[in-house]
Amino acid sequence: MAMDKASWHTGGKAKKWENIVPLFQPPKSPKLNPVEHLWHYIREKGNFKYHTFHSLYEVERHLMAELKKLYLEFDTVKNITRFKWIKIYYDNPLAELA
């Protein structure tokens, strides 16, 4: 599992799983993980930051609702996750494979 070296990933309370091997990214390298920007957006705009959930099911339901909203906001997702160094083909992503 790829992750940054945040204290909650590396600290003593971080759970160790026998079948998951962590692959830590270099420090200060957010461009290696564009989805982090998406999670930040969801946390801030999706009412996660100051919301208390009473079950994992509630978290999942709330997250799915936010992801469904984002699914319709292509430009927002593109702007959040796209960096200049990422080459993306929106019209025909499989063109180079042909």
N, C-alpha and C. Protein backbone atom coordinates (compact mmCIF):
# COMPACT_ATOMS: atom_id res chain seq x y z
N MET A 1 0.84 -1.16 0.00
CA MET A 1 0.00 0.00 0.00
C MET A 1 0.90 1.23 0.00
N ALA A 2 0.68 2.12 -0.96
CA ALA A 2 1.45 3.36 -1.03
C ALA A 2 0.86 4.39 -0.09
N MET A 3 1.73 5.05 0.67
CA MET A 3 1.26 6.09 1.59
C MET A 3 2.40 7.04 1.92
N ASP A 4 2.01 8.19 2.45
CA ASP A 4 3.03 9.14 2.85
C ASP A 4 3.53 8.77 4.24
N LYS A 5 4.45 9.56 4.76
CA LYS A 5 5.02 9.25 6.07
C LYS A 5 4.38 10.07 7.19
N ALA A 6 3.09 10.33 7.05
CA ALA A 6 2.37 11.04 8.11
C ALA A 6 2.45 10.21 9.39
N SER A 7 2.46 10.90 10.52
CA SER A 7 2.65 10.20 11.80
C SER A 7 1.59 9.13 12.05
N TRP A 8 0.37 9.35 11.56
CA TRP A 8 -0.67 8.33 11.78
C TRP A 8 -0.44 7.10 10.92
N HIS A 9 0.44 7.17 9.93
CA HIS A 9 0.80 5.99 9.14
C HIS A 9 2.02 5.27 9.70
N THR A 10 2.86 6.00 10.42
CA THR A 10 4.12 5.42 10.87
C THR A 10 4.25 5.30 12.38
N GLY A 11 3.38 5.96 13.13
CA GLY A 11 3.48 5.97 14.58
C GLY A 11 3.21 4.62 15.22
N GLY A 12 3.45 4.55 16.51
CA GLY A 12 3.28 3.31 17.25
C GLY A 12 1.86 2.78 17.26
N LYS A 13 0.88 3.67 17.10
CA LYS A 13 -0.51 3.23 17.11
C LYS A 13 -1.00 2.78 15.74
N ALA A 14 -0.16 2.96 14.72
CA ALA A 14 -0.56 2.53 13.37
C ALA A 14 -0.65 1.01 13.36
N LYS A 15 -1.77 0.51 12.88
CA LYS A 15 -2.00 -0.93 12.88
C LYS A 15 -1.13 -1.59 11.81
N LYS A 16 -0.52 -2.67 12.17
CA LYS A 16 0.29 -3.45 11.24
C LYS A 16 -0.54 -4.64 10.75
N TRP A 17 -0.62 -4.80 9.44
CA TRP A 17 -1.36 -5.90 8.86
C TRP A 17 -0.37 -6.88 8.26
N GLU A 18 -0.61 -8.16 8.49
CA GLU A 18 0.36 -9.15 8.02
C GLU A 18 0.37 -9.30 6.50
N ASN A 19 -0.72 -8.96 5.83
CA ASN A 19 -0.77 -9.15 4.38
C ASN A 19 -0.68 -7.84 3.60
N ILE A 20 -0.34 -6.72 4.26
CA ILE A 20 -0.18 -5.43 3.59
C ILE A 20 1.20 -4.89 3.90
N VAL A 21 1.95 -4.61 2.85
CA VAL A 21 3.30 -4.06 3.01
C VAL A 21 3.26 -2.58 2.63
N PRO A 22 3.64 -1.68 3.55
CA PRO A 22 3.61 -0.25 3.21
C PRO A 22 4.75 0.13 2.26
N LEU A 23 4.45 0.98 1.33
CA LEU A 23 5.44 1.56 0.42
C LEU A 23 5.38 3.06 0.66
N PHE A 24 6.34 3.57 1.44
CA PHE A 24 6.31 4.97 1.82
C PHE A 24 6.89 5.86 0.73
N GLN A 25 6.20 6.95 0.46
CA GLN A 25 6.64 7.93 -0.52
C GLN A 25 7.69 8.84 0.09
N PRO A 26 8.50 9.47 -0.75
CA PRO A 26 9.48 10.42 -0.23
C PRO A 26 8.77 11.59 0.47
N PRO A 27 9.42 12.22 1.43
CA PRO A 27 8.82 13.36 2.12
C PRO A 27 8.50 14.50 1.14
N LYS A 28 7.43 15.19 1.45
CA LYS A 28 7.02 16.38 0.68
C LYS A 28 6.90 16.09 -0.81
N SER A 29 6.13 15.06 -1.14
CA SER A 29 5.96 14.68 -2.55
C SER A 29 4.48 14.47 -2.89
N PRO A 30 3.64 15.49 -2.69
CA PRO A 30 2.21 15.31 -2.96
C PRO A 30 1.89 15.03 -4.42
N LYS A 31 2.80 15.41 -5.33
CA LYS A 31 2.54 15.16 -6.74
C LYS A 31 2.60 13.68 -7.10
N LEU A 32 3.17 12.87 -6.22
CA LEU A 32 3.20 11.43 -6.47
C LEU A 32 1.86 10.77 -6.15
N ASN A 33 0.99 11.51 -5.50
CA ASN A 33 -0.29 10.95 -5.09
C ASN A 33 -1.41 11.96 -5.31
N PRO A 34 -1.82 12.17 -6.58
CA PRO A 34 -2.84 13.18 -6.87
C PRO A 34 -4.16 12.98 -6.15
N VAL A 35 -4.47 11.74 -5.79
CA VAL A 35 -5.75 11.50 -5.12
C VAL A 35 -5.81 12.19 -3.76
N GLU A 36 -4.66 12.49 -3.17
CA GLU A 36 -4.65 13.21 -1.89
C GLU A 36 -5.37 14.55 -2.02
N HIS A 37 -5.20 15.19 -3.17
CA HIS A 37 -5.88 16.47 -3.39
C HIS A 37 -7.38 16.27 -3.48
N LEU A 38 -7.80 15.16 -4.06
CA LEU A 38 -9.22 14.85 -4.14
C LEU A 38 -9.79 14.58 -2.76
N TRP A 39 -9.07 13.82 -1.93
CA TRP A 39 -9.54 13.55 -0.57
C TRP A 39 -9.65 14.84 0.23
N HIS A 40 -8.67 15.74 0.05
CA HIS A 40 -8.73 17.03 0.75
C HIS A 40 -9.98 17.79 0.33
N TYR A 41 -10.28 17.82 -0.97
CA TYR A 41 -11.46 18.50 -1.47
C TYR A 41 -12.73 17.89 -0.88
N ILE A 42 -12.81 16.57 -0.87
CA ILE A 42 -13.99 15.90 -0.32
C ILE A 42 -14.14 16.19 1.16
N ARG A 43 -13.04 16.17 1.88
CA ARG A 43 -13.09 16.44 3.32
C ARG A 43 -13.59 17.85 3.59
N GLU A 44 -13.09 18.82 2.83
CA GLU A 44 -13.45 20.22 3.06
C GLU A 44 -14.84 20.55 2.52
N LYS A 45 -15.13 20.15 1.30
CA LYS A 45 -16.40 20.52 0.65
C LYS A 45 -17.52 19.52 0.91
N GLY A 46 -17.16 18.32 1.31
CA GLY A 46 -18.15 17.27 1.48
C GLY A 46 -18.65 17.11 2.90
N ASN A 47 -18.42 18.10 3.73
CA ASN A 47 -18.93 18.10 5.10
C ASN A 47 -18.41 16.91 5.92
N PHE A 48 -17.13 16.59 5.77
CA PHE A 48 -16.52 15.54 6.58
C PHE A 48 -15.75 16.13 7.76
N LYS A 49 -15.24 17.33 7.59
CA LYS A 49 -14.30 17.90 8.55
C LYS A 49 -14.88 17.99 9.96
N TYR A 50 -16.09 18.49 10.09
CA TYR A 50 -16.66 18.68 11.43
C TYR A 50 -17.91 17.82 11.64
N HIS A 51 -17.96 16.71 10.96
CA HIS A 51 -19.12 15.83 11.05
C HIS A 51 -18.77 14.59 11.88
N THR A 52 -19.64 14.22 12.77
CA THR A 52 -19.44 13.01 13.56
C THR A 52 -20.31 11.90 12.98
N PHE A 53 -19.66 10.79 12.64
CA PHE A 53 -20.38 9.64 12.12
C PHE A 53 -20.51 8.61 13.23
N HIS A 54 -21.62 7.92 13.25
CA HIS A 54 -21.87 6.94 14.31
C HIS A 54 -21.61 5.50 13.88
N SER A 55 -21.29 5.32 12.61
CA SER A 55 -20.98 3.97 12.13
C SER A 55 -20.17 4.07 10.84
N LEU A 56 -19.51 2.99 10.52
CA LEU A 56 -18.77 2.93 9.27
C LEU A 56 -19.73 3.03 8.09
N TYR A 57 -20.91 2.46 8.25
CA TYR A 57 -21.92 2.54 7.19
C TYR A 57 -22.27 3.99 6.88
N GLU A 58 -22.40 4.83 7.90
CA GLU A 58 -22.69 6.25 7.69
C GLU A 58 -21.57 6.93 6.90
N VAL A 59 -20.34 6.61 7.25
CA VAL A 59 -19.19 7.19 6.55
C VAL A 59 -19.23 6.78 5.08
N GLU A 60 -19.44 5.49 4.84
CA GLU A 60 -19.48 4.98 3.47
C GLU A 60 -20.61 5.62 2.67
N ARG A 61 -21.78 5.73 3.29
CA ARG A 61 -22.93 6.32 2.61
C ARG A 61 -22.66 7.78 2.25
N HIS A 62 -22.09 8.51 3.21
CA HIS A 62 -21.78 9.93 2.99
C HIS A 62 -20.71 10.08 1.90
N LEU A 63 -19.69 9.24 1.95
CA LEU A 63 -18.62 9.30 0.95
C LEU A 63 -19.17 8.97 -0.44
N MET A 64 -20.01 7.97 -0.55
CA MET A 64 -20.58 7.60 -1.85
C MET A 64 -21.42 8.74 -2.42
N ALA A 65 -22.17 9.43 -1.56
CA ALA A 65 -22.97 10.57 -2.03
C ALA A 65 -22.06 11.67 -2.57
N GLU A 66 -20.97 11.93 -1.88
CA GLU A 66 -20.03 12.96 -2.34
C GLU A 66 -19.34 12.54 -3.64
N LEU A 67 -18.97 11.28 -3.75
CA LEU A 67 -18.33 10.80 -4.98
C LEU A 67 -19.29 10.85 -6.16
N LYS A 68 -20.57 10.57 -5.92
CA LYS A 68 -21.56 10.66 -6.99
C LYS A 68 -21.70 12.10 -7.47
N LYS A 69 -21.64 13.06 -6.54
CA LYS A 69 -21.68 14.47 -6.94
C LYS A 69 -20.47 14.82 -7.79
N LEU A 70 -19.30 14.36 -7.36
CA LEU A 70 -18.06 14.66 -8.09
C LEU A 70 -18.04 14.01 -9.46
N TYR A 71 -18.70 12.88 -9.59
CA TYR A 71 -18.74 12.18 -10.87
C TYR A 71 -19.32 13.08 -11.96
N LEU A 72 -20.24 13.94 -11.56
CA LEU A 72 -20.88 14.85 -12.51
C LEU A 72 -20.07 16.14 -12.71
N GLU A 73 -19.04 16.33 -11.92
CA GLU A 73 -18.23 17.55 -11.98
C GLU A 73 -16.84 17.23 -12.56
N PHE A 74 -16.81 16.84 -13.81
CA PHE A 74 -15.57 16.41 -14.45
C PHE A 74 -14.48 17.47 -14.35
N ASP A 75 -14.82 18.72 -14.65
CA ASP A 75 -13.80 19.78 -14.63
C ASP A 75 -13.22 19.99 -13.24
N THR A 76 -14.05 19.86 -12.22
CA THR A 76 -13.56 20.02 -10.85
C THR A 76 -12.55 18.93 -10.53
N VAL A 77 -12.88 17.69 -10.83
CA VAL A 77 -11.97 16.58 -10.57
C VAL A 77 -10.69 16.74 -11.37
N LYS A 78 -10.81 17.14 -12.62
CA LYS A 78 -9.64 17.34 -13.47
C LYS A 78 -8.72 18.41 -12.88
N ASN A 79 -9.30 19.50 -12.42
CA ASN A 79 -8.50 20.58 -11.86
C ASN A 79 -7.86 20.21 -10.53
N ILE A 80 -8.50 19.36 -9.77
CA ILE A 80 -7.97 18.95 -8.47
C ILE A 80 -6.81 17.98 -8.63
N THR A 81 -6.93 17.05 -9.57
CA THR A 81 -5.97 15.94 -9.65
C THR A 81 -4.96 16.04 -10.78
N ARG A 82 -5.14 16.94 -11.68
CA ARG A 82 -4.26 16.98 -12.86
C ARG A 82 -3.07 17.90 -12.62
N PHE A 83 -1.91 17.35 -12.82
CA PHE A 83 -0.68 18.12 -12.75
C PHE A 83 -0.10 18.21 -14.15
N LYS A 84 0.71 19.20 -14.41
CA LYS A 84 1.28 19.39 -15.74
C LYS A 84 2.09 18.18 -16.20
N TRP A 85 2.69 17.48 -15.27
CA TRP A 85 3.54 16.35 -15.66
C TRP A 85 2.75 15.08 -15.94
N ILE A 86 1.47 15.08 -15.65
CA ILE A 86 0.64 13.91 -15.94
C ILE A 86 0.05 14.08 -17.33
N LYS A 87 0.33 13.13 -18.20
CA LYS A 87 -0.18 13.20 -19.56
C LYS A 87 -1.46 12.38 -19.63
N ILE A 88 -2.57 13.05 -19.92
CA ILE A 88 -3.86 12.39 -19.93
C ILE A 88 -4.53 12.60 -21.28
N TYR A 89 -5.10 11.56 -21.81
CA TYR A 89 -5.85 11.64 -23.05
C TYR A 89 -7.33 11.49 -22.72
N TYR A 90 -8.06 12.59 -22.80
CA TYR A 90 -9.48 12.56 -22.45
C TYR A 90 -10.34 12.01 -23.57
N ASP A 91 -9.97 12.29 -24.80
CA ASP A 91 -10.81 11.86 -25.91
C ASP A 91 -10.66 10.38 -26.22
N ASN A 92 -9.44 9.87 -26.18
CA ASN A 92 -9.20 8.48 -26.51
C ASN A 92 -8.02 7.96 -25.69
N PRO A 93 -8.27 7.55 -24.45
CA PRO A 93 -7.18 7.15 -23.56
C PRO A 93 -6.40 5.93 -24.04
N LEU A 94 -6.95 5.14 -24.95
CA LEU A 94 -6.26 3.94 -25.41
C LEU A 94 -5.55 4.15 -26.74
N ALA A 95 -5.48 5.38 -27.22
CA ALA A 95 -4.90 5.66 -28.53
C ALA A 95 -3.46 5.17 -28.65
N GLU A 96 -2.66 5.34 -27.61
CA GLU A 96 -1.26 4.93 -27.69
C GLU A 96 -1.10 3.41 -27.66
N LEU A 97 -2.10 2.71 -27.19
CA LEU A 97 -2.00 1.25 -27.10
C LEU A 97 -2.29 0.57 -28.43
N ALA A 98 -2.89 1.31 -29.35
CA ALA A 98 -3.27 0.71 -30.64
C ALA A 98 -2.08 0.54 -31.55
